[in-house]
Structure formats: C-alpha cells, structure tokens
Amino acid sequence: METLIQGLAQGLAIGGIYGLITMALTIVYSVTRLLNFAHGDLMVVAMYLAFAGVNWLGIDPYLSILIIAPLMFGFGALLFHLIFARVLRAHVLLVVQVTLGLGFVIQSVLLMVFSANYRTVQSVLTGKRIFIGDIVLQAPYVVAFVVSVLTAVLFFWLLHRSTFGRQVRAVAEDAEAASLSGINVRWVQMIVFAGALGTLGVVGPLVSPVFIVEPTLGLHLSLVAFIVLILGGVTNFIGTFVAGIIIGVAEALGGLYVNPPEFAGITPYAIFILFLLFRPSGVLERS
C-alpha cells in the first residue's frame, strides 16, 4: 500500500506537469488552429537553459525561472513572426512538416552545443525528501506538482476573469467575428503563442531536477502532450489538466506493476487506445 501511495503521488506530480505542458499547447491550438509538433523540443530548450544556468552561471534552476520565462516569451514572439504567422492559413500537413522540421533543427542545435550525453540538473532540493507518515516523497516532485497546480489556477483565472482572457476566448470561438468586433486577432494569437512558450520557461526549470535531460527528450514530451491534448477533449482546458493527471498516474503505476519492465512504457498508450475506442470525445469532451 505504501508503494502504491508513493507511486500515485509521483504520478500526480508528473501528471500535473504533463497537464500544464499540454494546456500551453491547447490554448495555442484554440486560437491559431496550429498543431505545434516542436512543442516538446521547445520545452527541452528551457530545460537546457536551466542546466546552463546551474553549470555555467551557478544559478539554481528554480531561481532561473525569473530569467528563462521572459527569454522563452521573447523567443516565442520571434518564432511566431518568423514562422508561425506565415502558416496560419496553410494546410495542416504543411504545418506538421514545418513544426517537425523546427523540432529537428532544435535537436541538432542542442546536440552541437551540449552533446548527446545525458544531463542531470542539481537544485537546492536535490536529495531532499518530504515525510508524510510512512510515505516518503521526493521534494522536487512535490514542488513541481504544487507549482503546476498554482500555475494552472492562475491560467484559468486569466482566461475567465481578465479582459485579455475574454479576447482569447472570443478568438478561439470565432476569429472572424472577434475581428469584426474590434479585437486584434493577430496580436492575440502572437501573445498566446509567446505566453505558451513563457509557460514552458516556467515548467522547464521546474522539471529539470526531475527528468534526465537529453536533446531527443522533446519527441517523447510532444507525443505525451498530443495524447493528453486528445484525451482532454482538444480544446477543453480543464479536461487537459485531468487527462495529464491520468497519463502521469498511468505512467508511474505502469513502472511499478507492469512486468516485464520493458513493457511499462506502453501503459499511457494503452490507455490512449482505450479512450479512442470507448470515449473518443475525450475525458470531458470539447468545451
């Protein structure tokens, strides 16, 4: 039972991270209808920036969020103007090719700069544990989950209680009608895309002490994000976070109980297939 509870706790932490990563992807898709297959690779960029901050500048990854998040936001605005604004009306296959190509470029640059070696990022919480009775939790996982939940709550508040959030929802509902009502649709799309990368600038340093960092990790993160996106109902933000929790828990419990261990990695994909077969609308359906 203790092992089960610890597995659930770790799964909740990872699931919260997956949910937050995918929420950034969800809102970009909602307002631009672009499927960004380089999303995971951009997340890895933020993780390597945290690694560089620790090893080159001596800045703790949690503190480096204050630097990396604005950098990623600015990088997102630049990427939108240079690449994504040009393919807003393009065929979906072209968008897939462009974003996949961007992902491969990012991987190649990371390989040249950091090599293919696996990296670990040390933080002030590395090796720290939190004891709840007989349950032992790794402090970085707990911090990652708490910050993910708080960020998601802030995200929901901005989306539903702020003027900009109402503009975002209007563009997501009908971009043409939003434009006719005086909303600068292109500006909203740019801010949303840059904000999504800014979110990755928060999540990347947050999980860098948890994950093993290597240049091709982005492919795995992108696959998980798209699984969570579909399970969450594609444009349902609450469903996205719930789906992230489901996938995170499934991944953690699969690692504990699936034998042989080589098959543990298929657990999230098995759940994904079951949802496609029996509930293709997603966890909470489209909003």
Protein backbone atom coordinates (compact mmCIF):
# COMPACT_ATOMS: atom_id res chain seq x y z
CA MET A 1 0.00 0.00 0.00
CA GLU A 2 2.83 2.42 0.81
CA THR A 3 4.41 1.68 -2.56
CA LEU A 4 1.07 2.29 -4.26
CA ILE A 5 0.59 5.63 -2.50
CA GLN A 6 4.11 6.73 -3.36
CA GLY A 7 3.53 5.72 -6.97
CA LEU A 8 0.28 7.69 -7.03
CA ALA A 9 2.00 10.73 -5.53
CA GLN A 10 4.76 10.61 -8.14
CA GLY A 11 2.18 10.08 -10.87
CA LEU A 12 0.20 13.12 -9.68
CA ALA A 13 3.33 15.26 -9.80
CA ILE A 14 4.28 14.12 -13.30
CA GLY A 15 0.65 14.32 -14.41
CA GLY A 16 0.38 17.91 -13.22
CA ILE A 17 3.45 18.74 -15.28
CA TYR A 18 2.04 16.97 -18.35
CA GLY A 19 -1.25 18.80 -17.89
CA LEU A 20 0.43 22.19 -17.68
CA ILE A 21 2.65 21.49 -20.72
CA THR A 22 -0.40 20.47 -22.74
CA MET A 23 -2.53 23.39 -21.57
CA ALA A 24 0.00 25.66 -23.28
CA LEU A 25 -0.40 23.56 -26.44
CA THR A 26 -4.20 23.57 -26.09
CA ILE A 27 -4.59 27.33 -25.95
CA VAL A 28 -2.27 27.80 -28.94
CA TYR A 29 -4.37 25.36 -30.95
CA SER A 30 -7.59 27.05 -29.78
CA VAL A 31 -6.65 30.49 -31.10
CA THR A 32 -4.48 29.57 -34.11
CA ARG A 33 -5.59 26.04 -35.08
CA LEU A 34 -1.88 25.18 -35.38
CA LEU A 35 -0.55 21.83 -34.19
CA ASN A 36 2.97 22.53 -32.96
CA PHE A 37 4.97 19.30 -33.12
CA ALA A 38 8.04 21.16 -31.84
CA HIS A 39 6.30 21.89 -28.52
CA GLY A 40 8.28 19.25 -26.61
CA ASP A 41 11.57 20.37 -28.15
CA LEU A 42 10.91 23.95 -27.06
CA MET A 43 10.32 22.60 -23.56
CA VAL A 44 13.74 20.90 -23.72
CA VAL A 45 15.30 24.23 -24.68
CA ALA A 46 14.02 25.65 -21.39
CA MET A 47 15.43 22.63 -19.53
CA TYR A 48 18.86 23.10 -21.11
CA LEU A 49 18.77 26.79 -20.23
CA ALA A 50 18.24 25.73 -16.62
CA PHE A 51 21.16 23.30 -16.97
CA ALA A 52 23.35 26.08 -18.38
CA GLY A 53 22.29 28.39 -15.58
CA VAL A 54 23.41 25.89 -12.95
CA ASN A 55 26.67 24.79 -14.57
CA TRP A 56 27.80 28.00 -16.27
CA LEU A 57 26.40 30.73 -14.02
CA GLY A 58 25.74 28.94 -10.74
CA ILE A 59 22.04 29.90 -10.68
CA ASP A 60 19.62 27.45 -9.08
CA PRO A 61 17.03 26.18 -11.62
CA TYR A 62 14.11 27.44 -9.52
CA LEU A 63 15.61 30.93 -9.42
CA SER A 64 16.45 30.79 -13.12
CA ILE A 65 12.70 30.73 -13.92
CA LEU A 66 12.78 34.53 -13.45
CA ILE A 67 15.21 34.73 -16.38
CA ILE A 68 14.17 31.80 -18.57
CA ALA A 69 10.42 32.51 -18.66
CA PRO A 70 10.86 36.03 -20.16
CA LEU A 71 13.51 34.70 -22.56
CA MET A 72 11.16 31.98 -23.78
CA PHE A 73 8.33 34.52 -24.10
CA GLY A 74 10.52 36.72 -26.30
CA PHE A 75 11.68 33.71 -28.30
CA GLY A 76 8.05 32.72 -28.78
CA ALA A 77 7.12 36.15 -30.13
CA LEU A 78 10.06 35.96 -32.55
CA LEU A 79 9.15 32.44 -33.70
CA PHE A 80 5.55 33.48 -34.27
CA HIS A 81 6.54 36.39 -36.50
CA LEU A 82 9.20 34.46 -38.43
CA ILE A 83 7.47 31.09 -38.86
CA PHE A 84 4.04 30.50 -37.39
CA ALA A 85 2.30 33.68 -38.62
CA ARG A 86 3.22 32.61 -42.16
CA VAL A 87 1.46 29.23 -41.92
CA LEU A 88 -1.73 30.24 -40.09
CA ARG A 89 -3.84 29.53 -43.18
CA ALA A 90 -1.69 26.72 -44.56
CA HIS A 91 -2.79 23.10 -44.90
CA VAL A 92 -2.39 21.04 -41.75
CA LEU A 93 0.19 18.76 -43.40
CA LEU A 94 2.40 21.75 -44.20
CA VAL A 95 2.14 22.92 -40.58
CA VAL A 96 3.11 19.43 -39.39
CA GLN A 97 6.13 19.40 -41.72
CA VAL A 98 7.24 22.88 -40.65
CA THR A 99 6.95 22.20 -36.92
CA LEU A 100 8.58 18.78 -37.20
CA GLY A 101 11.42 20.41 -39.11
CA LEU A 102 11.73 23.05 -36.41
CA GLY A 103 11.91 20.28 -33.82
CA PHE A 104 14.74 18.55 -35.69
CA VAL A 105 16.62 21.85 -36.01
CA ILE A 106 16.31 22.42 -32.26
CA GLN A 107 17.52 18.88 -31.53
CA SER A 108 20.53 19.35 -33.83
CA VAL A 109 21.49 22.64 -32.22
CA LEU A 110 21.23 21.12 -28.74
CA LEU A 111 23.37 18.17 -29.85
CA MET A 112 26.06 20.52 -31.17
CA VAL A 113 26.06 22.73 -28.06
CA PHE A 114 25.52 20.18 -25.28
CA SER A 115 26.38 16.83 -26.97
CA ALA A 116 24.23 13.69 -26.70
CA ASN A 117 25.25 12.95 -23.11
CA TYR A 118 22.53 12.56 -20.52
CA ARG A 119 22.49 15.50 -18.12
CA THR A 120 21.17 15.92 -14.59
CA VAL A 121 20.36 19.28 -13.07
CA GLN A 122 21.09 19.84 -9.41
CA SER A 123 18.94 22.15 -7.30
CA VAL A 124 18.63 23.17 -3.66
CA LEU A 125 16.01 20.41 -3.32
CA THR A 126 18.07 17.60 -4.85
CA GLY A 127 18.07 14.69 -2.41
CA LYS A 128 15.50 16.34 -0.13
CA ARG A 129 12.53 14.27 0.97
CA ILE A 130 9.14 15.02 2.49
CA PHE A 131 7.77 12.53 5.00
CA ILE A 132 4.02 12.05 5.41
CA GLY A 133 3.69 9.24 7.91
CA ASP A 134 5.41 6.27 6.32
CA ILE A 135 5.19 7.82 2.86
CA VAL A 136 8.38 9.35 1.50
CA LEU A 137 8.05 11.89 -1.31
CA GLN A 138 10.85 13.46 -3.31
CA ALA A 139 10.76 17.22 -2.69
CA PRO A 140 11.31 18.20 -6.38
CA TYR A 141 8.22 16.18 -7.38
CA VAL A 142 6.10 17.85 -4.71
CA VAL A 143 7.29 21.32 -5.70
CA ALA A 144 6.68 20.56 -9.38
CA PHE A 145 3.10 19.43 -8.66
CA VAL A 146 2.27 22.39 -6.39
CA VAL A 147 3.65 24.97 -8.82
CA SER A 148 1.88 23.23 -11.73
CA VAL A 149 -1.46 23.42 -9.93
CA LEU A 150 -0.94 27.06 -8.93
CA THR A 151 0.07 27.98 -12.47
CA ALA A 152 -2.97 26.19 -13.86
CA VAL A 153 -5.24 28.08 -11.43
CA LEU A 154 -3.64 31.38 -12.48
CA PHE A 155 -4.08 30.34 -16.10
CA PHE A 156 -7.81 29.67 -15.58
CA TRP A 157 -8.25 32.96 -13.73
CA LEU A 158 -6.61 34.97 -16.51
CA LEU A 159 -8.65 33.16 -19.14
CA HIS A 160 -12.03 33.70 -17.46
CA ARG A 161 -11.62 36.87 -15.37
CA SER A 162 -9.40 39.22 -17.38
CA THR A 163 -10.14 41.34 -20.43
CA PHE A 164 -7.38 39.64 -22.38
CA GLY A 165 -8.80 36.25 -21.39
CA ARG A 166 -12.17 37.23 -22.85
CA GLN A 167 -10.42 38.28 -26.06
CA VAL A 168 -8.64 34.92 -26.18
CA ARG A 169 -11.91 33.05 -25.74
CA ALA A 170 -13.56 35.18 -28.40
CA VAL A 171 -10.78 34.42 -30.91
CA ALA A 172 -10.92 30.73 -30.01
CA GLU A 173 -14.69 30.69 -30.56
CA ASP A 174 -14.75 32.60 -33.87
CA ALA A 175 -11.71 34.55 -35.07
CA GLU A 176 -13.61 36.32 -37.85
CA ALA A 177 -16.38 37.52 -35.53
CA ALA A 178 -13.76 38.60 -32.97
CA SER A 179 -12.01 40.66 -35.66
CA LEU A 180 -15.29 42.31 -36.67
CA SER A 181 -15.89 43.26 -33.03
CA GLY A 182 -12.61 45.18 -32.91
CA ILE A 183 -10.22 42.57 -31.46
CA ASN A 184 -6.75 42.49 -32.97
CA VAL A 185 -6.74 38.76 -33.72
CA ARG A 186 -3.13 38.55 -34.90
CA TRP A 187 -1.90 40.33 -31.74
CA VAL A 188 -3.90 37.95 -29.52
CA GLN A 189 -2.50 34.95 -31.39
CA MET A 190 1.05 36.25 -31.00
CA ILE A 191 0.67 36.91 -27.26
CA VAL A 192 -0.91 33.49 -26.72
CA PHE A 193 1.87 31.71 -28.62
CA ALA A 194 4.59 33.66 -26.81
CA GLY A 195 2.79 33.08 -23.50
CA ALA A 196 2.71 29.34 -24.18
CA LEU A 197 6.49 29.35 -24.59
CA GLY A 198 6.76 31.51 -21.48
CA THR A 199 4.84 28.78 -19.65
CA LEU A 200 7.39 26.26 -20.90
CA GLY A 201 10.02 28.62 -19.49
CA VAL A 202 8.44 28.02 -16.10
CA VAL A 203 7.89 24.29 -16.46
CA GLY A 204 11.32 23.52 -17.98
CA PRO A 205 13.43 24.66 -15.00
CA LEU A 206 10.78 23.24 -12.67
CA VAL A 207 11.17 19.70 -14.01
CA SER A 208 14.87 19.83 -14.89
CA PRO A 209 15.80 18.37 -11.46
CA VAL A 210 13.21 15.61 -12.03
CA PHE A 211 13.87 14.47 -15.61
CA ILE A 212 17.08 13.28 -17.24
CA VAL A 213 17.87 15.96 -19.83
CA GLU A 214 18.96 14.95 -23.33
CA PRO A 215 18.39 16.51 -26.78
CA THR A 216 15.83 13.99 -28.07
CA LEU A 217 13.60 14.15 -24.98
CA GLY A 218 11.39 16.61 -26.84
CA LEU A 219 9.94 13.88 -29.07
CA HIS A 220 8.67 11.96 -26.04
CA LEU A 221 7.23 15.13 -24.49
CA SER A 222 5.49 16.06 -27.74
CA LEU A 223 3.93 12.60 -28.05
CA VAL A 224 2.70 12.73 -24.45
CA ALA A 225 1.37 16.27 -24.96
CA PHE A 226 -0.65 15.24 -28.02
CA ILE A 227 -2.03 12.20 -26.19
CA VAL A 228 -3.11 14.44 -23.32
CA LEU A 229 -4.48 17.00 -25.79
CA ILE A 230 -6.76 14.41 -27.40
CA LEU A 231 -7.77 12.76 -24.13
CA GLY A 232 -8.62 16.16 -22.67
CA GLY A 233 -11.05 16.99 -25.46
CA VAL A 234 -8.64 19.03 -27.66
CA THR A 235 -9.94 22.47 -26.59
CA ASN A 236 -11.14 21.70 -23.05
CA PHE A 237 -8.63 23.26 -20.63
CA ILE A 238 -9.94 21.51 -17.51
CA GLY A 239 -10.10 18.22 -19.41
CA THR A 240 -6.49 18.73 -20.48
CA PHE A 241 -5.27 19.01 -16.89
CA VAL A 242 -7.34 15.98 -15.82
CA ALA A 243 -6.01 13.97 -18.77
CA GLY A 244 -2.46 14.94 -17.79
CA ILE A 245 -3.05 13.56 -14.30
CA ILE A 246 -4.44 10.32 -15.77
CA ILE A 247 -1.43 9.81 -18.04
CA GLY A 248 1.05 10.71 -15.29
CA VAL A 249 -0.51 8.25 -12.82
CA ALA A 250 -0.68 5.54 -15.50
CA GLU A 251 2.99 6.06 -16.33
CA ALA A 252 4.04 5.90 -12.68
CA LEU A 253 1.94 2.84 -11.82
CA GLY A 254 2.99 1.11 -15.02
CA GLY A 255 6.61 1.48 -13.97
CA LEU A 256 5.77 -0.15 -10.61
CA TYR A 257 3.50 -3.00 -11.57
CA VAL A 258 3.93 -3.92 -15.25
CA ASN A 259 6.11 -6.96 -15.87
CA PRO A 260 8.40 -7.33 -17.66
CA PRO A 261 9.60 -3.74 -17.04
CA GLU A 262 10.31 -3.25 -20.74
CA PHE A 263 6.55 -3.05 -21.34
CA ALA A 264 5.90 -0.42 -18.67
CA GLY A 265 6.24 2.40 -21.19
CA ILE A 266 3.22 1.23 -23.19
CA THR A 267 0.76 1.90 -20.33
CA PRO A 268 -0.10 5.51 -21.30
CA TYR A 269 -0.50 4.49 -24.93
CA ALA A 270 -2.75 1.59 -23.97
CA ILE A 271 -4.99 3.99 -22.03
CA PHE A 272 -4.99 6.32 -25.02
CA ILE A 273 -6.15 3.50 -27.32
CA LEU A 274 -8.89 2.52 -24.87
CA PHE A 275 -10.18 6.09 -24.82
CA LEU A 276 -10.14 6.23 -28.61
CA LEU A 277 -12.18 3.04 -28.74
CA PHE A 278 -14.73 3.72 -26.00
CA ARG A 279 -14.73 7.51 -25.45
CA PRO A 280 -13.23 9.27 -28.49
CA SER A 281 -14.68 12.64 -27.35
CA GLY A 282 -12.10 12.75 -24.53
CA VAL A 283 -12.24 12.88 -20.75
CA LEU A 284 -14.60 15.89 -20.55
CA GLU A 285 -15.31 16.39 -24.27
CA ARG A 286 -14.66 19.60 -26.17
CA SER A 287 -15.51 22.88 -24.44
